[in-house]
Amino acid sequence: MNLLEEAIIFSTLMHQGKVRKFKKIPYILHPLEVAQILSTMTDDQEVIAAGVLHDVVENTDGTLKEIGERFGTRVARLVNSASESFSPDEDLAASWKRRKEESLYALQTSQDIGTRMIWLADQLSNMRSLAGIYSEQGEKIWSFLDQTDPDEQLWYFRSVAEYVEMDLNRTGAYKELIKHINYIWPGSFDSKKTRYQKYREVSLDGCKRIGRGAKADVYRYNDELIVKVYNENNTYKDVERETAIARKTFVMGIPTAISFGIVAVGRRYGTMFELVDASTVSELIARDPGRVDDYGRIMAYVAREIHATIAKKEDGFPAAKDSMLEWVERGLADIDEKAAEKLKEMIESMEDDFHMVHGDFHTGNVFIQNGEPLIIDMDRVATGPSIVDLSNCFLFYVGYGELNPKTIEDYMGFSYETAKAFFQAFIRYYLQTDEENRVKTITDKAALFAYLRQIGQIRKRRKLSEREQEDIQYLMKKIADLLELVNDFYI
């Protein structure tokens, strides 16, 4: 008896007497259908066997240890990646979102393509059933599910589709999943995704990295092209969204570089830009730190161009004030309530402002081509107070270096001393003054929000090291001192 035959027998025995939620058919038909779908994508017997077994731990008395002993470590790991964790007395409706978020994280972070195949096959089987019942009963079907909100159900199925897209977008299973999602929720995906589509594949072998950020790296591909490569947490939808924002801001007059195509770079997405002989401002500063004053003036010009642009409410850009309040919640709300309340009051008291802000403004995101600056990173564009971009500059050129100068050297490619000199040049040119009190007042405001963001970034980690705890204490002291001086975020 081979591995797959044994898995079918074991799964049949474990699911004996169990039925599906709709139409009460034997439950075993679902894992068998999952196995059949998997067989259209792969001949890997461990993956197909794991598909047959994928609900054993979640829905029966079977254990991962038992599956590992019978079918091997990899099969057990694949089954675990497709299994939700919940206690027998747990309210399944109340815990639905948490369970889905936790299981989606396992899908998102797995390095085994078998995991994505099993998820795709499982959700396609579920969607076939859901679409069939929807065609008979319409919106009544939601009342029979643990999650009765159809928008939440869409969020879940769409998330799965986006996470498996890079590896499996050419499979018939993926295209069928998109078709069923669009049937129940029309327009959720571009209909071209249900047809054959080949992304241009590019290799970065020998390419020089010329920019680095939290969500993407930028490489010089050849003399004419650069490629921005997003990390694996970014989906095709994220890249499409940024491209659309870039086109919108370009039309508004902001000096934006426009991508001419989405490419595949291994398991990651990238966008190509035609930037002949262009260099990031970070590269230019690294080559000639003595011209830091010139580049501070150029970056100040770009920032002022962005901030002078006024959006309309119907343009739909997010409000920067909302993200500022989120940083307060993330960084301070549960460790210094008094400071958090003062910061919230300062932010909420600001009038609604439809001036544009970039949201991730630094020298790695601005290219110089033929003497003209062009911005390439537009996914955090918002409307609101310009302090958002000024604080971002303080963060990248001063704040990070206070905790570890090497952070700035690694990201920007030049020394911490050069970075501080750049910020001083930038803020003076931006404010168009050398008056010391004016420069210090605005720098304090930028620093206050930058330190808050640093705390929020550190606290995103589940377990903090002793050094990180010390860093938070240092930043809290900085915030406390600045709150004695700063009463608003107006420039």
Protein backbone atom coordinates (compact mmCIF):
# COMPACT_ATOMS: atom_id res chain seq x y z
CA MET A 1 0.00 0.00 0.00
CA ASN A 2 1.49 3.37 -0.98
CA LEU A 3 1.44 6.59 1.05
CA LEU A 4 -1.62 8.08 -0.67
CA GLU A 5 -3.71 4.89 -0.42
CA GLU A 6 -2.93 4.61 3.29
CA ALA A 7 -3.84 8.29 3.78
CA ILE A 8 -7.20 7.78 2.05
CA ILE A 9 -8.03 4.78 4.27
CA PHE A 10 -6.93 6.55 7.45
CA SER A 11 -8.85 9.73 6.61
CA THR A 12 -11.97 7.73 5.72
CA LEU A 13 -11.88 5.94 9.07
CA MET A 14 -11.27 9.16 11.02
CA HIS A 15 -14.11 11.03 9.29
CA GLN A 16 -16.52 8.09 9.53
CA GLY A 17 -20.05 9.26 10.41
CA LYS A 18 -19.25 12.95 9.89
CA VAL A 19 -21.16 15.01 7.30
CA ARG A 20 -20.68 18.35 5.54
CA LYS A 21 -22.55 21.44 6.72
CA PHE A 22 -24.58 21.74 3.52
CA LYS A 23 -26.66 18.85 2.15
CA LYS A 24 -25.27 16.48 4.84
CA ILE A 25 -23.14 14.47 2.42
CA PRO A 26 -20.34 12.27 3.88
CA TYR A 27 -17.49 14.50 5.01
CA ILE A 28 -14.83 12.31 3.42
CA LEU A 29 -15.92 13.55 -0.02
CA HIS A 30 -14.36 16.95 0.78
CA PRO A 31 -10.78 15.76 1.51
CA LEU A 32 -11.03 13.41 -1.48
CA GLU A 33 -12.01 16.34 -3.67
CA VAL A 34 -9.09 18.33 -2.25
CA ALA A 35 -6.77 15.45 -3.22
CA GLN A 36 -8.24 15.38 -6.74
CA ILE A 37 -7.68 19.13 -7.15
CA LEU A 38 -4.11 18.75 -5.88
CA SER A 39 -3.47 16.05 -8.46
CA THR A 40 -4.08 18.64 -11.19
CA MET A 41 -1.25 20.78 -9.77
CA THR A 42 1.35 18.26 -8.62
CA ASP A 43 2.36 14.61 -8.52
CA ASP A 44 4.02 15.06 -5.11
CA GLN A 45 2.50 12.21 -3.11
CA GLU A 46 3.25 13.85 0.24
CA VAL A 47 1.33 16.97 -0.75
CA ILE A 48 -1.65 15.00 -2.06
CA ALA A 49 -1.64 12.76 1.03
CA ALA A 50 -1.57 15.82 3.27
CA GLY A 51 -4.56 17.14 1.31
CA VAL A 52 -6.49 13.98 2.10
CA LEU A 53 -5.53 14.34 5.77
CA HIS A 54 -5.81 18.12 6.07
CA ASP A 55 -8.96 18.11 8.28
CA VAL A 56 -8.10 15.13 10.48
CA VAL A 57 -6.55 17.15 13.31
CA GLU A 58 -9.11 19.96 13.11
CA ASN A 59 -12.27 17.85 12.83
CA THR A 60 -11.51 14.43 14.39
CA ASP A 61 -9.66 12.89 17.32
CA GLY A 62 -6.55 12.40 15.19
CA THR A 63 -3.33 14.12 16.29
CA LEU A 64 -0.35 15.59 14.49
CA LYS A 65 1.90 13.16 16.34
CA GLU A 66 -0.06 10.23 14.95
CA ILE A 67 0.06 11.66 11.43
CA GLY A 68 3.81 12.26 11.74
CA GLU A 69 4.43 8.69 12.87
CA ARG A 70 2.29 7.21 10.10
CA PHE A 71 3.04 9.51 7.17
CA GLY A 72 6.21 11.43 7.99
CA THR A 73 7.31 14.82 9.29
CA ARG A 74 6.59 16.81 6.13
CA VAL A 75 3.04 15.49 5.79
CA ALA A 76 2.39 16.38 9.44
CA ARG A 77 3.81 19.86 8.90
CA LEU A 78 1.62 20.41 5.84
CA VAL A 79 -1.47 19.23 7.73
CA ASN A 80 -0.63 21.54 10.61
CA SER A 81 -0.36 24.53 8.26
CA ALA A 82 -3.94 23.93 7.12
CA SER A 83 -5.41 23.29 10.58
CA GLU A 84 -7.08 25.92 12.76
CA SER A 85 -6.52 26.03 16.49
CA PHE A 86 -9.52 26.24 18.81
CA SER A 87 -10.76 24.75 22.07
CA PRO A 88 -13.83 22.47 22.25
CA ASP A 89 -15.84 24.94 24.34
CA GLU A 90 -14.93 27.95 22.20
CA ASP A 91 -17.65 30.01 20.52
CA LEU A 92 -16.85 29.41 16.85
CA ALA A 93 -18.70 32.52 15.68
CA ALA A 94 -16.92 34.80 18.15
CA SER A 95 -13.49 33.34 17.40
CA TRP A 96 -13.91 33.16 13.60
CA LYS A 97 -11.80 36.22 12.71
CA ARG A 98 -9.00 35.33 15.12
CA ARG A 99 -8.81 31.77 13.84
CA LYS A 100 -8.72 32.90 10.23
CA GLU A 101 -6.04 35.53 10.87
CA GLU A 102 -3.84 33.01 12.67
CA SER A 103 -4.23 30.38 9.96
CA LEU A 104 -3.62 32.94 7.18
CA TYR A 105 -0.36 33.86 8.89
CA ALA A 106 0.74 30.22 8.58
CA LEU A 107 -0.08 30.32 4.87
CA GLN A 108 1.69 33.64 4.38
CA THR A 109 4.93 32.58 6.08
CA SER A 110 5.28 28.97 4.88
CA GLN A 111 8.21 28.28 2.56
CA ASP A 112 6.74 24.99 1.27
CA ILE A 113 4.76 25.41 -1.94
CA GLY A 114 2.79 22.34 -0.88
CA THR A 115 1.17 24.49 1.80
CA ARG A 116 -0.13 26.94 -0.78
CA MET A 117 -1.33 24.10 -3.00
CA ILE A 118 -3.30 22.53 -0.13
CA TRP A 119 -4.84 25.86 0.81
CA LEU A 120 -5.85 26.54 -2.77
CA ALA A 121 -7.36 23.07 -3.19
CA ASP A 122 -9.19 23.27 0.15
CA GLN A 123 -10.71 26.69 -0.52
CA LEU A 124 -11.60 25.79 -4.11
CA SER A 125 -13.50 22.76 -2.82
CA ASN A 126 -15.25 24.97 -0.28
CA MET A 127 -16.03 27.62 -2.88
CA ARG A 128 -17.48 25.06 -5.29
CA SER A 129 -19.89 24.02 -2.56
CA LEU A 130 -20.62 27.61 -1.49
CA ALA A 131 -21.21 28.82 -5.05
CA GLY A 132 -23.55 25.90 -5.75
CA ILE A 133 -25.67 26.59 -2.66
CA TYR A 134 -25.55 30.34 -3.35
CA SER A 135 -27.06 29.73 -6.80
CA GLU A 136 -29.98 27.96 -5.10
CA GLN A 137 -30.48 30.01 -1.92
CA GLY A 138 -28.81 33.39 -2.49
CA GLU A 139 -27.99 35.49 0.58
CA LYS A 140 -29.76 33.04 2.90
CA ILE A 141 -26.63 30.87 2.96
CA TRP A 142 -24.75 33.20 5.32
CA SER A 143 -27.12 32.46 8.19
CA PHE A 144 -25.93 28.83 8.21
CA LEU A 145 -22.24 29.73 8.69
CA ASP A 146 -20.18 30.63 11.76
CA GLN A 147 -19.42 33.96 10.09
CA THR A 148 -22.70 35.48 8.89
CA ASP A 149 -21.18 38.66 7.42
CA PRO A 150 -20.57 38.13 3.67
CA ASP A 151 -17.96 40.92 3.63
CA GLU A 152 -15.87 39.04 6.19
CA GLN A 153 -16.22 35.86 4.15
CA LEU A 154 -15.01 37.75 1.09
CA TRP A 155 -12.03 39.09 3.05
CA TYR A 156 -11.01 35.54 3.90
CA PHE A 157 -11.35 33.98 0.44
CA ARG A 158 -9.76 37.01 -1.22
CA SER A 159 -6.81 36.85 1.20
CA VAL A 160 -6.22 33.19 0.35
CA ALA A 161 -6.35 33.96 -3.36
CA GLU A 162 -3.86 36.81 -2.99
CA TYR A 163 -1.39 34.79 -0.91
CA VAL A 164 -1.26 31.86 -3.34
CA GLU A 165 -1.32 33.95 -6.52
CA MET A 166 2.42 34.37 -7.09
CA ASP A 167 3.09 30.62 -7.15
CA LEU A 168 -0.17 29.25 -8.51
CA ASN A 169 -1.78 31.92 -10.69
CA ARG A 170 -1.34 29.82 -13.83
CA THR A 171 -3.12 26.74 -12.51
CA GLY A 172 -6.68 25.88 -13.47
CA ALA A 173 -7.49 25.59 -9.76
CA TYR A 174 -6.51 29.21 -9.11
CA LYS A 175 -8.50 30.50 -12.05
CA GLU A 176 -11.55 28.49 -10.98
CA LEU A 177 -11.30 29.89 -7.44
CA ILE A 178 -11.27 33.45 -8.83
CA LYS A 179 -14.29 32.64 -11.02
CA HIS A 180 -16.33 31.41 -8.03
CA ILE A 181 -15.34 34.39 -5.86
CA ASN A 182 -16.39 36.76 -8.63
CA TYR A 183 -19.68 34.88 -9.00
CA ILE A 184 -20.69 35.45 -5.36
CA TRP A 185 -18.96 38.85 -5.01
CA PRO A 186 -18.94 40.38 -8.52
CA GLY A 187 -15.93 42.49 -9.38
CA SER A 188 -13.73 41.25 -6.52
CA PHE A 189 -10.96 40.35 -8.98
CA ASP A 190 -10.09 41.51 -12.47
CA SER A 191 -11.64 39.01 -14.86
CA LYS A 192 -8.31 38.64 -16.69
CA LYS A 193 -7.10 36.58 -13.73
CA THR A 194 -9.38 33.77 -14.89
CA ARG A 195 -7.46 33.57 -18.17
CA TYR A 196 -3.90 32.48 -18.93
CA GLN A 197 -1.45 35.14 -17.81
CA LYS A 198 2.33 35.04 -17.78
CA TYR A 199 4.31 37.52 -15.77
CA ARG A 200 7.68 38.54 -17.10
CA GLU A 201 10.29 36.78 -14.96
CA VAL A 202 13.47 38.67 -14.17
CA SER A 203 16.63 37.66 -12.33
CA LEU A 204 18.58 39.95 -10.06
CA ASP A 205 21.84 38.03 -10.46
CA GLY A 206 24.59 40.61 -10.74
CA CYS A 207 22.21 43.52 -10.12
CA LYS A 208 23.26 46.19 -7.62
CA ARG A 209 20.87 47.12 -4.85
CA ILE A 210 20.55 50.89 -4.86
CA GLY A 211 17.78 51.39 -2.30
CA ARG A 212 16.34 49.62 0.70
CA GLY A 213 13.08 50.01 2.60
CA ALA A 214 10.76 48.23 5.01
CA LYS A 215 8.59 46.75 2.25
CA ALA A 216 10.84 46.67 -0.83
CA ASP A 217 14.36 46.89 -2.20
CA VAL A 218 15.35 48.76 -5.36
CA TYR A 219 17.89 47.36 -7.85
CA ARG A 220 19.60 48.76 -10.91
CA TYR A 221 18.60 46.21 -13.58
CA ASN A 222 20.57 47.73 -16.48
CA ASP A 223 21.57 51.17 -17.76
CA GLU A 224 17.96 52.05 -18.55
CA LEU A 225 15.82 50.13 -16.05
CA ILE A 226 15.42 49.78 -12.31
CA VAL A 227 13.24 47.22 -10.54
CA LYS A 228 11.54 47.67 -7.21
CA VAL A 229 11.20 44.26 -5.54
CA TYR A 230 8.57 43.90 -2.82
CA ASN A 231 8.98 41.54 0.11
CA GLU A 232 6.99 38.31 0.24
CA ASN A 233 4.25 39.79 2.44
CA ASN A 234 3.10 41.98 -0.46
CA THR A 235 0.50 40.56 -2.83
CA TYR A 236 -0.20 41.36 -6.47
CA LYS A 237 -3.06 43.52 -5.23
CA ASP A 238 -0.65 45.61 -3.11
CA VAL A 239 1.56 46.24 -6.13
CA GLU A 240 -1.41 47.11 -8.36
CA ARG A 241 -2.67 49.52 -5.71
CA GLU A 242 0.65 51.36 -5.49
CA THR A 243 0.86 51.60 -9.29
CA ALA A 244 -2.64 53.10 -9.42
CA ILE A 245 -1.79 55.64 -6.70
CA ALA A 246 1.39 56.62 -8.55
CA ARG A 247 -0.58 57.33 -11.73
CA LYS A 248 -3.13 59.39 -9.79
CA THR A 249 -0.47 61.51 -8.05
CA PHE A 250 1.38 62.00 -11.35
CA VAL A 251 -1.76 63.49 -12.87
CA MET A 252 -2.04 65.77 -9.83
CA GLY A 253 1.40 67.20 -10.63
CA ILE A 254 3.58 65.40 -8.08
CA PRO A 255 6.91 64.35 -9.70
CA THR A 256 6.21 60.62 -9.72
CA ALA A 257 7.95 57.86 -11.67
CA ILE A 258 5.41 55.56 -13.35
CA SER A 259 5.93 51.80 -13.45
CA PHE A 260 5.39 50.22 -16.85
CA GLY A 261 4.89 46.65 -15.73
CA ILE A 262 4.66 44.13 -12.90
CA VAL A 263 7.25 41.34 -12.99
CA ALA A 264 8.01 38.17 -11.05
CA VAL A 265 11.33 38.01 -9.18
CA GLY A 266 11.47 34.49 -7.78
CA ARG A 267 8.58 34.32 -5.29
CA ARG A 268 8.26 38.09 -5.08
CA TYR A 269 6.61 40.77 -7.18
CA GLY A 270 8.46 43.67 -8.69
CA THR A 271 7.75 46.76 -10.75
CA MET A 272 9.95 48.07 -13.54
CA PHE A 273 10.78 51.74 -14.12
CA GLU A 274 12.58 53.31 -17.05
CA LEU A 275 15.03 55.58 -15.30
CA VAL A 276 18.01 56.06 -17.61
CA ASP A 277 21.23 56.87 -15.74
CA ALA A 278 19.16 57.82 -12.69
CA SER A 279 20.44 57.50 -9.12
CA THR A 280 18.70 57.68 -5.78
CA VAL A 281 19.53 60.68 -3.65
CA SER A 282 20.92 58.17 -1.13
CA GLU A 283 23.42 56.96 -3.75
CA LEU A 284 24.41 60.52 -4.62
CA ILE A 285 25.01 61.46 -0.98
CA ALA A 286 27.06 58.29 -0.44
CA ARG A 287 29.23 59.16 -3.45
CA ASP A 288 29.80 62.75 -2.43
CA PRO A 289 28.94 63.53 1.23
CA GLY A 290 30.40 67.00 0.71
CA ARG A 291 27.31 67.93 -1.32
CA VAL A 292 24.87 67.03 1.43
CA ASP A 293 23.66 70.63 1.51
CA ASP A 294 22.71 70.46 -2.19
CA TYR A 295 20.77 67.25 -1.72
CA GLY A 296 19.02 68.62 1.36
CA ARG A 297 17.82 71.49 -0.82
CA ILE A 298 16.57 69.10 -3.53
CA MET A 299 14.69 66.91 -1.04
CA ALA A 300 13.16 70.00 0.58
CA TYR A 301 11.96 71.12 -2.86
CA VAL A 302 10.33 67.71 -3.48
CA ALA A 303 8.67 67.75 -0.06
CA ARG A 304 7.30 71.25 -0.60
CA GLU A 305 5.96 70.23 -4.04
CA ILE A 306 4.10 67.30 -2.45
CA HIS A 307 2.76 69.34 0.45
CA ALA A 308 1.58 72.16 -1.84
CA THR A 309 -0.61 69.71 -3.77
CA ILE A 310 -4.23 69.69 -2.61
CA ALA A 311 -6.42 66.63 -3.11
CA LYS A 312 -10.18 66.52 -3.31
CA LYS A 313 -12.16 64.56 -0.77
CA GLU A 314 -13.51 62.34 -3.56
CA ASP A 315 -9.94 61.33 -4.53
CA GLY A 316 -10.20 58.87 -1.67
CA PHE A 317 -6.74 59.23 -0.12
CA PRO A 318 -6.58 58.13 3.54
CA ALA A 319 -6.28 60.73 6.28
CA ALA A 320 -2.81 60.94 7.80
CA LYS A 321 -4.40 61.86 11.15
CA ASP A 322 -5.86 58.35 11.36
CA SER A 323 -2.45 56.73 10.99
CA MET A 324 -0.99 59.15 13.55
CA LEU A 325 -3.64 58.07 16.06
CA GLU A 326 -2.88 54.42 15.29
CA TRP A 327 0.78 55.01 16.15
CA VAL A 328 -0.28 56.46 19.50
CA GLU A 329 -2.38 53.35 20.21
CA ARG A 330 0.37 51.01 19.10
CA GLY A 331 3.19 52.74 20.90
CA LEU A 332 1.92 54.36 24.10
CA ALA A 333 -1.72 53.65 24.91
CA ASP A 334 -1.03 50.78 27.33
CA ILE A 335 2.26 51.98 28.84
CA ASP A 336 1.77 55.74 29.39
CA GLU A 337 -1.90 56.69 29.33
CA LYS A 338 -1.27 60.34 30.20
CA ALA A 339 1.22 60.86 27.37
CA ALA A 340 -1.03 58.98 24.95
CA GLU A 341 -4.01 61.17 25.82
CA LYS A 342 -2.05 64.38 25.30
CA LEU A 343 -0.80 63.17 21.91
CA LYS A 344 -4.31 62.16 20.88
CA GLU A 345 -5.65 65.59 21.86
CA MET A 346 -2.91 67.27 19.81
CA ILE A 347 -3.72 65.16 16.75
CA GLU A 348 -7.52 65.29 17.02
CA SER A 349 -7.50 69.07 17.48
CA MET A 350 -5.94 69.56 14.04
CA GLU A 351 -8.32 70.68 11.31
CA ASP A 352 -9.00 68.34 8.39
CA ASP A 353 -6.28 68.98 5.86
CA PHE A 354 -6.33 67.85 2.20
CA HIS A 355 -2.73 68.75 1.41
CA MET A 356 -0.81 65.70 0.23
CA VAL A 357 1.83 63.92 2.30
CA HIS A 358 4.06 61.11 1.04
CA GLY A 359 4.07 58.95 4.18
CA ASP A 360 7.48 57.32 3.56
CA PHE A 361 9.64 60.24 2.54
CA HIS A 362 13.40 59.61 2.41
CA THR A 363 16.36 59.75 0.01
CA GLY A 364 16.02 56.10 -1.02
CA ASN A 365 12.64 56.83 -2.60
CA VAL A 366 13.72 59.80 -4.72
CA PHE A 367 15.69 59.45 -7.96
CA ILE A 368 17.51 62.20 -9.85
CA GLN A 369 17.27 61.86 -13.64
CA ASN A 370 18.67 64.58 -15.88
CA GLY A 371 18.69 66.88 -12.88
CA GLU A 372 15.01 66.29 -12.12
CA PRO A 373 13.72 64.47 -9.00
CA LEU A 374 11.24 61.58 -9.34
CA ILE A 375 9.54 59.65 -6.52
CA ILE A 376 8.98 55.88 -6.87
CA ASP A 377 7.30 54.79 -3.64
CA MET A 378 3.69 56.02 -3.33
CA ASP A 379 1.79 53.34 -1.37
CA ARG A 380 1.52 55.42 1.83
CA VAL A 381 0.37 58.66 0.22
CA ALA A 382 -2.27 60.40 2.33
CA THR A 383 -3.71 63.83 3.07
CA GLY A 384 -2.96 65.72 6.23
CA PRO A 385 -0.28 67.56 8.22
CA SER A 386 3.18 67.86 6.73
CA ILE A 387 4.71 66.91 10.09
CA VAL A 388 4.18 63.29 8.97
CA ASP A 389 6.90 63.62 6.31
CA LEU A 390 9.18 65.79 8.42
CA SER A 391 9.04 63.27 11.25
CA ASN A 392 9.81 60.53 8.76
CA CYS A 393 12.98 62.36 7.77
CA PHE A 394 13.96 62.85 11.41
CA LEU A 395 13.35 59.13 11.99
CA PHE A 396 15.54 57.99 9.08
CA TYR A 397 18.41 60.43 9.55
CA VAL A 398 18.50 61.06 13.30
CA GLY A 399 16.13 58.85 15.33
CA TYR A 400 17.30 55.43 14.18
CA GLY A 401 20.90 56.47 14.62
CA GLU A 402 20.37 57.43 18.25
CA LEU A 403 19.66 53.78 19.00
CA ASN A 404 22.07 52.25 16.48
CA PRO A 405 24.05 54.31 13.93
CA LYS A 406 24.59 51.18 11.81
CA THR A 407 20.85 51.09 11.03
CA ILE A 408 21.18 54.32 9.06
CA GLU A 409 24.41 53.19 7.41
CA ASP A 410 22.77 49.93 6.29
CA TYR A 411 19.60 51.55 4.94
CA MET A 412 20.99 54.77 3.49
CA GLY A 413 24.53 53.82 2.57
CA PHE A 414 26.22 56.74 4.30
CA SER A 415 27.37 57.58 7.83
CA TYR A 416 25.25 58.74 10.73
CA GLU A 417 27.17 62.03 10.84
CA THR A 418 26.35 62.62 7.17
CA ALA A 419 22.72 61.72 7.85
CA LYS A 420 22.43 64.29 10.64
CA ALA A 421 24.02 66.93 8.43
CA PHE A 422 21.55 66.07 5.67
CA PHE A 423 18.58 66.47 8.02
CA GLN A 424 19.79 69.88 9.19
CA ALA A 425 20.13 71.03 5.58
CA PHE A 426 16.77 69.54 4.63
CA ILE A 427 14.78 71.10 7.50
CA ARG A 428 16.31 74.55 6.96
CA TYR A 429 15.59 74.51 3.24
CA TYR A 430 12.10 73.15 3.85
CA LEU A 431 11.30 75.90 6.38
CA GLN A 432 13.24 78.44 4.27
CA THR A 433 14.92 79.88 7.34
CA ASP A 434 18.13 79.74 9.36
CA GLU A 435 16.42 81.17 12.44
CA GLU A 436 17.51 78.78 15.19
CA ASN A 437 14.38 78.90 17.36
CA ARG A 438 12.12 78.22 14.38
CA VAL A 439 14.25 75.27 13.24
CA LYS A 440 14.41 73.82 16.76
CA THR A 441 10.65 74.18 17.33
CA ILE A 442 9.77 72.24 14.17
CA THR A 443 12.54 69.70 14.74
CA ASP A 444 11.14 69.00 18.23
CA LYS A 445 7.69 68.34 16.73
CA ALA A 446 9.17 66.03 14.12
CA ALA A 447 11.24 64.24 16.74
CA LEU A 448 8.25 63.72 19.05
CA PHE A 449 6.27 61.86 16.44
CA ALA A 450 9.37 60.01 15.18
CA TYR A 451 10.16 58.67 18.66
CA LEU A 452 6.54 57.56 19.01
CA ARG A 453 6.81 55.62 15.74
CA GLN A 454 10.04 53.98 16.88
CA ILE A 455 8.35 52.66 20.01
CA GLY A 456 5.48 51.30 17.93
CA GLN A 457 7.89 49.58 15.55
CA ILE A 458 9.82 47.95 18.38
CA ARG A 459 6.66 46.78 20.13
CA LYS A 460 5.41 44.98 17.03
CA ARG A 461 7.77 42.16 17.99
CA ARG A 462 6.20 39.49 20.15
CA LYS A 463 9.13 39.09 22.53
CA LEU A 464 11.38 42.01 23.35
CA SER A 465 15.07 41.63 24.12
CA GLU A 466 16.68 43.40 27.06
CA ARG A 467 18.24 45.88 24.61
CA GLU A 468 14.85 46.61 23.01
CA GLN A 469 13.29 47.22 26.43
CA GLU A 470 16.12 49.66 27.20
CA ASP A 471 15.53 51.38 23.86
CA ILE A 472 11.86 51.86 24.71
CA GLN A 473 12.77 53.43 28.05
CA TYR A 474 15.18 55.79 26.27
CA LEU A 475 12.50 56.79 23.76
CA MET A 476 9.89 57.24 26.49
CA LYS A 477 12.21 59.68 28.25
CA LYS A 478 12.67 61.59 24.98
CA ILE A 479 8.89 61.79 24.49
CA ALA A 480 8.31 62.95 28.06
CA ASP A 481 10.87 65.75 27.65
CA LEU A 482 9.42 66.87 24.32
CA LEU A 483 5.85 66.87 25.63
CA GLU A 484 7.01 69.65 27.99
CA LEU A 485 7.91 71.73 24.93
CA VAL A 486 5.49 70.71 22.18
CA ASN A 487 1.76 71.52 22.29
CA ASP A 488 0.71 70.93 18.67
CA PHE A 489 1.87 69.43 15.36
CA TYR A 490 1.34 72.49 13.19
CA ILE A 491 4.27 73.67 11.07
